C-alpha cells in the first residue's frame, strides 16, 4: 500500500539531496517507515518532516536519518551503539547495515514499542536497553560506531571512552533548541578529530552527562 510513497520519499528526499550510496538507499527502500509511527499518522509517515511518536519524542525527518547514517559510515562487521531508540526507525536502518546494533532508550514505553515495531520487519540483530544513554552501555563496549539521536550540550565522556580506536561518533551538539551535527573520529593516539557538518534540531539528550530533565 505504501510502496509508492516510500519510493517517492527515497527519490525526492534522499537521492535528490545527494545521498547515493547503494546500501543506504536499499535500506530505506526496504524498511517500511509507517510501521514506526502511530497508526493515526500512517498517511504522513513518508513526508519530509519529523512526526510525534509519544512521550514528547519524535521520529526524525527521513533525510536527517539518511544523512546521519551516511556520516556514520557503517560497515558490515560494525558494532553500533545508538543513543535514543525512539520508535526504532533509525535502529532498523542501522541493523541492515551493521553486524549488531545496541540501542538505549530512556522511556520504557518507547523502548517496548520499538521492539514491537522492529519485529514487524523481521529484524533480529539488535539488543535494546532502557536507561541513561549518556552513560553508554559498557557491557558490549567498545563500539565501532556510536550515533546519538538527541541534542547534547557536549559529547558525553562515557561515549568517547566506549568508542574503539578508529571509531566514529555522530552527534548533534548545541543548546536545547538547535544544534550542529558533529562527526568525531577517534585516532590511533586516542586523540579526537572533529568535523562540523550541518545545523539540525533534535529533542534534548537528557541524562547524567546531558541535559537535566
C-alpha atoms as a PDB file:
ATOM      1  CA  UNK A   1       0.000   0.000   0.000  1.00  0.00           C
ATOM      2  CA  UNK A   2       2.833   2.411   0.879  1.00  0.00           C
ATOM      3  CA  UNK A   3       5.386   1.224  -1.694  1.00  0.00           C
ATOM      4  CA  UNK A   4       4.844   4.210  -3.981  1.00  0.00           C
ATOM      5  CA  UNK A   5       5.167   6.716  -1.136  1.00  0.00           C
ATOM      6  CA  UNK A   6       8.322   5.039   0.108  1.00  0.00           C
ATOM      7  CA  UNK A   7       9.858   5.088  -3.362  1.00  0.00           C
ATOM      8  CA  UNK A   8       8.996   8.789  -3.771  1.00  0.00           C
ATOM      9  CA  UNK A   9      10.460   9.536  -0.329  1.00  0.00           C
ATOM     10  CA  UNK A  10      13.752   7.932  -1.274  1.00  0.00           C
ATOM     11  CA  UNK A  11      13.985   9.613  -4.673  1.00  0.00           C
ATOM     12  CA  UNK A  12      12.764  13.099  -3.719  1.00  0.00           C
ATOM     13  CA  UNK A  13      14.050  13.474  -0.155  1.00  0.00           C
ATOM     14  CA  UNK A  14      17.227  11.403  -0.094  1.00  0.00           C
ATOM     15  CA  UNK A  15      18.722  10.769  -3.554  1.00  0.00           C
ATOM     16  CA  UNK A  16      17.862  14.266  -4.795  1.00  0.00           C
ATOM     17  CA  UNK A  17      19.793  15.714  -1.818  1.00  0.00           C
ATOM     18  CA  UNK A  18      22.982  13.907  -2.705  1.00  0.00           C
ATOM     19  CA  UNK A  19      22.838  10.573  -0.892  1.00  0.00           C
ATOM     20  CA  UNK A  20      23.526   7.856  -3.457  1.00  0.00           C
ATOM     21  CA  UNK A  21      25.212   5.029  -1.507  1.00  0.00           C
ATOM     22  CA  UNK A  22      23.504   1.821  -2.641  1.00  0.00           C
ATOM     23  CA  UNK A  23      23.484   0.137   0.771  1.00  0.00           C
ATOM     24  CA  UNK A  24      21.778   3.141   2.340  1.00  0.00           C
ATOM     25  CA  UNK A  25      19.250   3.526  -0.473  1.00  0.00           C
ATOM     26  CA  UNK A  26      18.422  -0.184  -0.339  1.00  0.00           C
ATOM     27  CA  UNK A  27      17.866   0.026   3.428  1.00  0.00           C
ATOM     28  CA  UNK A  28      15.476   2.973   3.093  1.00  0.00           C
ATOM     29  CA  UNK A  29      13.592   1.188   0.320  1.00  0.00           C
ATOM     30  CA  UNK A  30      13.240  -1.954   2.418  1.00  0.00           C
ATOM     31  CA  UNK A  31      12.198  -0.529   5.801  1.00  0.00           C
ATOM     32  CA  UNK A  32       8.520   0.371   5.929  1.00  0.00           C
ATOM     33  CA  UNK A  33       8.533   3.692   7.773  1.00  0.00           C
ATOM     34  CA  UNK A  34       4.817   3.623   8.596  1.00  0.00           C
ATOM     35  CA  UNK A  35       5.499   0.723  10.976  1.00  0.00           C
ATOM     36  CA  UNK A  36       7.376   3.222  13.155  1.00  0.00           C
ATOM     37  CA  UNK A  37       4.736   5.929  13.609  1.00  0.00           C
ATOM     38  CA  UNK A  38       1.366   5.824  15.373  1.00  0.00           C
ATOM     39  CA  UNK A  39      -1.388   4.349  13.198  1.00  0.00           C
ATOM     40  CA  UNK A  40      -3.203   7.701  13.092  1.00  0.00           C
ATOM     41  CA  UNK A  41      -0.143   9.142  11.302  1.00  0.00           C
ATOM     42  CA  UNK A  42       0.339   6.393   8.701  1.00  0.00           C
ATOM     43  CA  UNK A  43      -0.696   8.743   5.893  1.00  0.00           C
ATOM     44  CA  UNK A  44       2.092  11.170   6.885  1.00  0.00           C
ATOM     45  CA  UNK A  45       4.789   8.571   7.527  1.00  0.00           C
ATOM     46  CA  UNK A  46       6.714   9.290   4.313  1.00  0.00           C
ATOM     47  CA  UNK A  47       6.530  13.082   4.498  1.00  0.00           C
ATOM     48  CA  UNK A  48       9.558  15.368   4.583  1.00  0.00           C
ATOM     49  CA  UNK A  49       9.263  16.205   8.285  1.00  0.00           C
ATOM     50  CA  UNK A  50       9.565  14.685  11.772  1.00  0.00           C
ATOM     51  CA  UNK A  51       6.497  13.217  13.483  1.00  0.00           C
ATOM     52  CA  UNK A  52       5.497  12.773  17.134  1.00  0.00           C
ATOM     53  CA  UNK A  53       5.756   9.230  18.494  1.00  0.00           C
ATOM     54  CA  UNK A  54       4.648   9.867  22.085  1.00  0.00           C
ATOM     55  CA  UNK A  55       6.352  10.699  25.388  1.00  0.00           C
ATOM     56  CA  UNK A  56       7.456  14.049  23.963  1.00  0.00           C
ATOM     57  CA  UNK A  57       9.680  12.330  21.380  1.00  0.00           C
ATOM     58  CA  UNK A  58       9.757  12.377  17.575  1.00  0.00           C
ATOM     59  CA  UNK A  59      10.772  10.218  14.645  1.00  0.00           C
ATOM     60  CA  UNK A  60      13.281  12.273  12.665  1.00  0.00           C
ATOM     61  CA  UNK A  61      12.744  13.605   9.168  1.00  0.00           C
ATOM     62  CA  UNK A  62      13.763  10.853   6.674  1.00  0.00           C
ATOM     63  CA  UNK A  63      16.595  12.965   5.253  1.00  0.00           C
ATOM     64  CA  UNK A  64      18.067  13.531   8.719  1.00  0.00           C
ATOM     65  CA  UNK A  65      18.049   9.791   9.342  1.00  0.00           C
ATOM     66  CA  UNK A  66      19.736   9.307   5.975  1.00  0.00           C
ATOM     67  CA  UNK A  67      22.442  11.959   6.414  1.00  0.00           C
ATOM     68  CA  UNK A  68      23.310  10.724   9.900  1.00  0.00           C
ATOM     69  CA  UNK A  69      23.507   7.181   8.543  1.00  0.00           C
ATOM     70  CA  UNK A  70      25.785   8.303   5.719  1.00  0.00           C
ATOM     71  CA  UNK A  71      28.065  10.260   8.060  1.00  0.00           C
ATOM     72  CA  UNK A  72      28.323   7.299  10.427  1.00  0.00           C
ATOM     73  CA  UNK A  73      29.791   5.207   7.566  1.00  0.00           C
ATOM     74  CA  UNK A  74      28.642   1.830   8.890  1.00  0.00           C
ATOM     75  CA  UNK A  75      30.442  -1.311   7.691  1.00  0.00           C
ATOM     76  CA  UNK A  76      29.102  -4.881   7.547  1.00  0.00           C
ATOM     77  CA  UNK A  77      31.064  -6.051  10.572  1.00  0.00           C
ATOM     78  CA  UNK A  78      30.494  -2.970  12.741  1.00  0.00           C
ATOM     79  CA  UNK A  79      29.120  -2.997  16.243  1.00  0.00           C
ATOM     80  CA  UNK A  80      26.945   0.129  16.597  1.00  0.00           C
ATOM     81  CA  UNK A  81      25.668   1.852  19.725  1.00  0.00           C
ATOM     82  CA  UNK A  82      22.593   4.026  19.229  1.00  0.00           C
ATOM     83  CA  UNK A  83      21.566   6.543  21.872  1.00  0.00           C
ATOM     84  CA  UNK A  84      17.839   7.242  21.595  1.00  0.00           C
ATOM     85  CA  UNK A  85      15.909   4.288  20.164  1.00  0.00           C
ATOM     86  CA  UNK A  86      12.694   6.258  19.770  1.00  0.00           C
ATOM     87  CA  UNK A  87      10.253   4.215  17.702  1.00  0.00           C
ATOM     88  CA  UNK A  88      13.096   2.151  16.219  1.00  0.00           C
ATOM     89  CA  UNK A  89      13.270   3.510  12.660  1.00  0.00           C
ATOM     90  CA  UNK A  90      16.916   4.592  12.739  1.00  0.00           C
ATOM     91  CA  UNK A  91      17.652   1.326  14.562  1.00  0.00           C
ATOM     92  CA  UNK A  92      16.092  -0.656  11.719  1.00  0.00           C
ATOM     93  CA  UNK A  93      18.139   1.158   9.078  1.00  0.00           C
ATOM     94  CA  UNK A  94      21.332   0.535  11.057  1.00  0.00           C
ATOM     95  CA  UNK A  95      20.501  -3.135  11.529  1.00  0.00           C
ATOM     96  CA  UNK A  96      20.505  -3.630   7.750  1.00  0.00           C
ATOM     97  CA  UNK A  97      23.987  -2.102   7.536  1.00  0.00           C
ATOM     98  CA  UNK A  98      25.803  -3.351  10.663  1.00  0.00           C
ATOM     99  CA  UNK A  99      26.552  -6.687  12.278  1.00  0.00           C
ATOM    100  CA  UNK A 100      24.874  -5.743  15.581  1.00  0.00           C
ATOM    101  CA  UNK A 101      23.056  -2.690  16.942  1.00  0.00           C
ATOM    102  CA  UNK A 102      22.779  -1.894  20.643  1.00  0.00           C
ATOM    103  CA  UNK A 103      20.223   0.818  21.338  1.00  0.00           C
ATOM    104  CA  UNK A 104      19.367   2.690  24.545  1.00  0.00           C
ATOM    105  CA  UNK A 105      16.088   4.479  25.166  1.00  0.00           C
ATOM    106  CA  UNK A 106      15.243   6.475  28.274  1.00  0.00           C
ATOM    107  CA  UNK A 107      11.476   5.970  28.004  1.00  0.00           C
ATOM    108  CA  UNK A 108      10.366   2.421  28.840  1.00  0.00           C
ATOM    109  CA  UNK A 109       7.138   2.654  26.818  1.00  0.00           C
ATOM    110  CA  UNK A 110       9.001   3.787  23.701  1.00  0.00           C
ATOM    111  CA  UNK A 111      11.595   1.020  24.023  1.00  0.00           C
ATOM    112  CA  UNK A 112       8.847  -1.585  24.289  1.00  0.00           C
ATOM    113  CA  UNK A 113       7.044  -0.161  21.258  1.00  0.00           C
ATOM    114  CA  UNK A 114      10.313  -0.010  19.295  1.00  0.00           C
ATOM    115  CA  UNK A 115      10.859  -3.700  19.973  1.00  0.00           C
ATOM    116  CA  UNK A 116       7.405  -4.486  18.595  1.00  0.00           C
ATOM    117  CA  UNK A 117       7.982  -2.241  15.571  1.00  0.00           C
ATOM    118  CA  UNK A 118      11.340  -3.836  14.762  1.00  0.00           C
ATOM    119  CA  UNK A 119       9.927  -7.335  14.946  1.00  0.00           C
ATOM    120  CA  UNK A 120       7.363  -6.429  12.280  1.00  0.00           C
ATOM    121  CA  UNK A 121      10.337  -6.088   9.921  1.00  0.00           C
ATOM    122  CA  UNK A 122      11.841  -9.486  10.874  1.00  0.00           C
ATOM    123  CA  UNK A 123      14.998  -7.718  12.063  1.00  0.00           C
ATOM    124  CA  UNK A 124      16.725  -9.543  14.918  1.00  0.00           C
ATOM    125  CA  UNK A 125      20.327  -8.247  15.132  1.00  0.00           C
ATOM    126  CA  UNK A 126      19.609  -5.708  17.856  1.00  0.00           C
ATOM    127  CA  UNK A 127      19.539  -5.510  21.651  1.00  0.00           C
ATOM    128  CA  UNK A 128      17.531  -2.786  23.389  1.00  0.00           C
ATOM    129  CA  UNK A 129      18.084  -1.279  26.820  1.00  0.00           C
ATOM    130  CA  UNK A 130      16.023   1.118  28.906  1.00  0.00           C
ATOM    131  CA  UNK A 131      18.399   3.502  30.638  1.00  0.00           C
ATOM    132  CA  UNK A 132      20.510   6.655  30.587  1.00  0.00           C
ATOM    133  CA  UNK A 133      22.028   6.790  27.128  1.00  0.00           C
ATOM    134  CA  UNK A 134      24.524   9.490  28.088  1.00  0.00           C
ATOM    135  CA  UNK A 135      26.396   6.806  30.054  1.00  0.00           C
ATOM    136  CA  UNK A 136      26.555   4.421  27.110  1.00  0.00           C
ATOM    137  CA  UNK A 137      26.477   0.647  27.558  1.00  0.00           C
ATOM    138  CA  UNK A 138      29.722  -0.724  28.961  1.00  0.00           C
ATOM    139  CA  UNK A 139      28.632  -4.350  28.732  1.00  0.00           C
ATOM    140  CA  UNK A 140      29.145  -4.516  24.963  1.00  0.00           C
ATOM    141  CA  UNK A 141      31.830  -1.838  24.561  1.00  0.00           C
ATOM    142  CA  UNK A 142      33.917  -0.890  22.727  1.00  0.00           C
ATOM    143  CA  UNK A 143      31.882   0.052  19.659  1.00  0.00           C
ATOM    144  CA  UNK A 144      32.960   0.728  16.099  1.00  0.00           C
ATOM    145  CA  UNK A 145      30.339   3.430  15.684  1.00  0.00           C
ATOM    146  CA  UNK A 146      28.118   5.462  18.014  1.00  0.00           C
ATOM    147  CA  UNK A 147      25.135   7.539  16.905  1.00  0.00           C
ATOM    148  CA  UNK A 148      23.211   9.935  19.146  1.00  0.00           C
ATOM    149  CA  UNK A 149      19.707  10.939  18.062  1.00  0.00           C
ATOM    150  CA  UNK A 150      19.113  13.712  20.608  1.00  0.00           C
ATOM    151  CA  UNK A 151      20.722  17.126  21.065  1.00  0.00           C
ATOM    152  CA  UNK A 152      23.561  17.205  23.603  1.00  0.00           C
ATOM    153  CA  UNK A 153      25.210  20.171  25.374  1.00  0.00           C
ATOM    154  CA  UNK A 154      28.555  18.430  24.776  1.00  0.00           C
ATOM    155  CA  UNK A 155      29.838  14.994  23.809  1.00  0.00           C
ATOM    156  CA  UNK A 156      29.409  12.635  26.798  1.00  0.00           C
ATOM    157  CA  UNK A 157      32.766  11.367  28.071  1.00  0.00           C
ATOM    158  CA  UNK A 158      31.312   7.906  28.667  1.00  0.00           C
ATOM    159  CA  UNK A 159      30.567   7.567  24.943  1.00  0.00           C
ATOM    160  CA  UNK A 160      34.065   8.635  23.974  1.00  0.00           C
ATOM    161  CA  UNK A 161      35.522   6.050  26.340  1.00  0.00           C
ATOM    162  CA  UNK A 162      33.370   3.300  24.825  1.00  0.00           C
ATOM    163  CA  UNK A 163      34.381   4.110  21.240  1.00  0.00           C
ATOM    164  CA  UNK A 164      37.024   1.943  19.588  1.00  0.00           C
ATOM    165  CA  UNK A 165      40.229   3.449  18.247  1.00  0.00           C
ATOM    166  CA  UNK A 166      39.487   4.401  14.615  1.00  0.00           C
ATOM    167  CA  UNK A 167      35.797   4.505  15.554  1.00  0.00           C
ATOM    168  CA  UNK A 168      33.339   7.317  14.890  1.00  0.00           C
ATOM    169  CA  UNK A 169      30.592   9.196  16.731  1.00  0.00           C
ATOM    170  CA  UNK A 170      27.875  11.238  15.019  1.00  0.00           C
ATOM    171  CA  UNK A 171      26.083  13.540  17.456  1.00  0.00           C
ATOM    172  CA  UNK A 172      24.083  16.805  17.469  1.00  0.00           C
ATOM    173  CA  UNK A 173      25.677  19.308  19.868  1.00  0.00           C
ATOM    174  CA  UNK A 174      24.366  22.748  20.847  1.00  0.00           C
ATOM    175  CA  UNK A 175      21.684  24.185  23.088  1.00  0.00           C
ATOM    176  CA  UNK A 176      18.265  22.751  23.909  1.00  0.00           C
ATOM    177  CA  UNK A 177      16.663  24.258  20.805  1.00  0.00           C
ATOM    178  CA  UNK A 178      19.213  23.979  17.974  1.00  0.00           C
ATOM    179  CA  UNK A 179      22.401  22.050  17.355  1.00  0.00           C
ATOM    180  CA  UNK A 180      25.140  21.330  14.868  1.00  0.00           C
ATOM    181  CA  UNK A 181      25.734  17.802  13.642  1.00  0.00           C
ATOM    182  CA  UNK A 182      29.267  16.723  14.578  1.00  0.00           C
ATOM    183  CA  UNK A 183      31.475  13.852  13.459  1.00  0.00           C
ATOM    184  CA  UNK A 184      34.180  12.770  15.899  1.00  0.00           C
ATOM    185  CA  UNK A 185      36.797  10.217  14.863  1.00  0.00           C
ATOM    186  CA  UNK A 186      38.994   8.577  17.489  1.00  0.00           C
ATOM    187  CA  UNK A 187      42.524   8.427  16.075  1.00  0.00           C
ATOM    188  CA  UNK A 188      45.303   5.905  16.749  1.00  0.00           C
ATOM    189  CA  UNK A 189      46.749   8.081  19.521  1.00  0.00           C
ATOM    190  CA  UNK A 190      43.283   8.358  21.159  1.00  0.00           C
ATOM    191  CA  UNK A 191      43.000  11.982  20.063  1.00  0.00           C
ATOM    192  CA  UNK A 192      39.759  13.137  18.511  1.00  0.00           C
ATOM    193  CA  UNK A 193      39.280  14.724  15.112  1.00  0.00           C
ATOM    194  CA  UNK A 194      36.114  16.811  14.942  1.00  0.00           C
ATOM    195  CA  UNK A 195      34.189  17.881  11.860  1.00  0.00           C
ATOM    196  CA  UNK A 196      31.105  20.080  11.903  1.00  0.00           C
ATOM    197  CA  UNK A 197      28.556  19.317   9.215  1.00  0.00           C
ATOM    198  CA  UNK A 198      25.086  20.906   9.244  1.00  0.00           C
ATOM    199  CA  UNK A 199      22.623  22.658  11.560  1.00  0.00           C
ATOM    200  CA  UNK A 200      19.880  20.492  12.995  1.00  0.00           C
ATOM    201  CA  UNK A 201      17.221  20.381  15.664  1.00  0.00           C
ATOM    202  CA  UNK A 202      16.647  17.433  17.983  1.00  0.00           C
ATOM    203  CA  UNK A 203      14.861  16.856  21.272  1.00  0.00           C
ATOM    204  CA  UNK A 204      17.269  17.296  24.231  1.00  0.00           C
ATOM    205  CA  UNK A 205      19.571  14.464  25.305  1.00  0.00           C
ATOM    206  CA  UNK A 206      18.556  14.051  28.944  1.00  0.00           C
ATOM    207  CA  UNK A 207      20.808  12.236  31.415  1.00  0.00           C
ATOM    208  CA  UNK A 208      23.740  12.409  33.785  1.00  0.00           C
ATOM    209  CA  UNK A 209      26.123  13.586  31.017  1.00  0.00           C
ATOM    210  CA  UNK A 210      23.486  15.503  29.072  1.00  0.00           C
ATOM    211  CA  UNK A 211      20.695  17.928  29.924  1.00  0.00           C
ATOM    212  CA  UNK A 212      18.775  17.857  33.190  1.00  0.00           C
ATOM    213  CA  UNK A 213      15.212  16.609  32.878  1.00  0.00           C
END
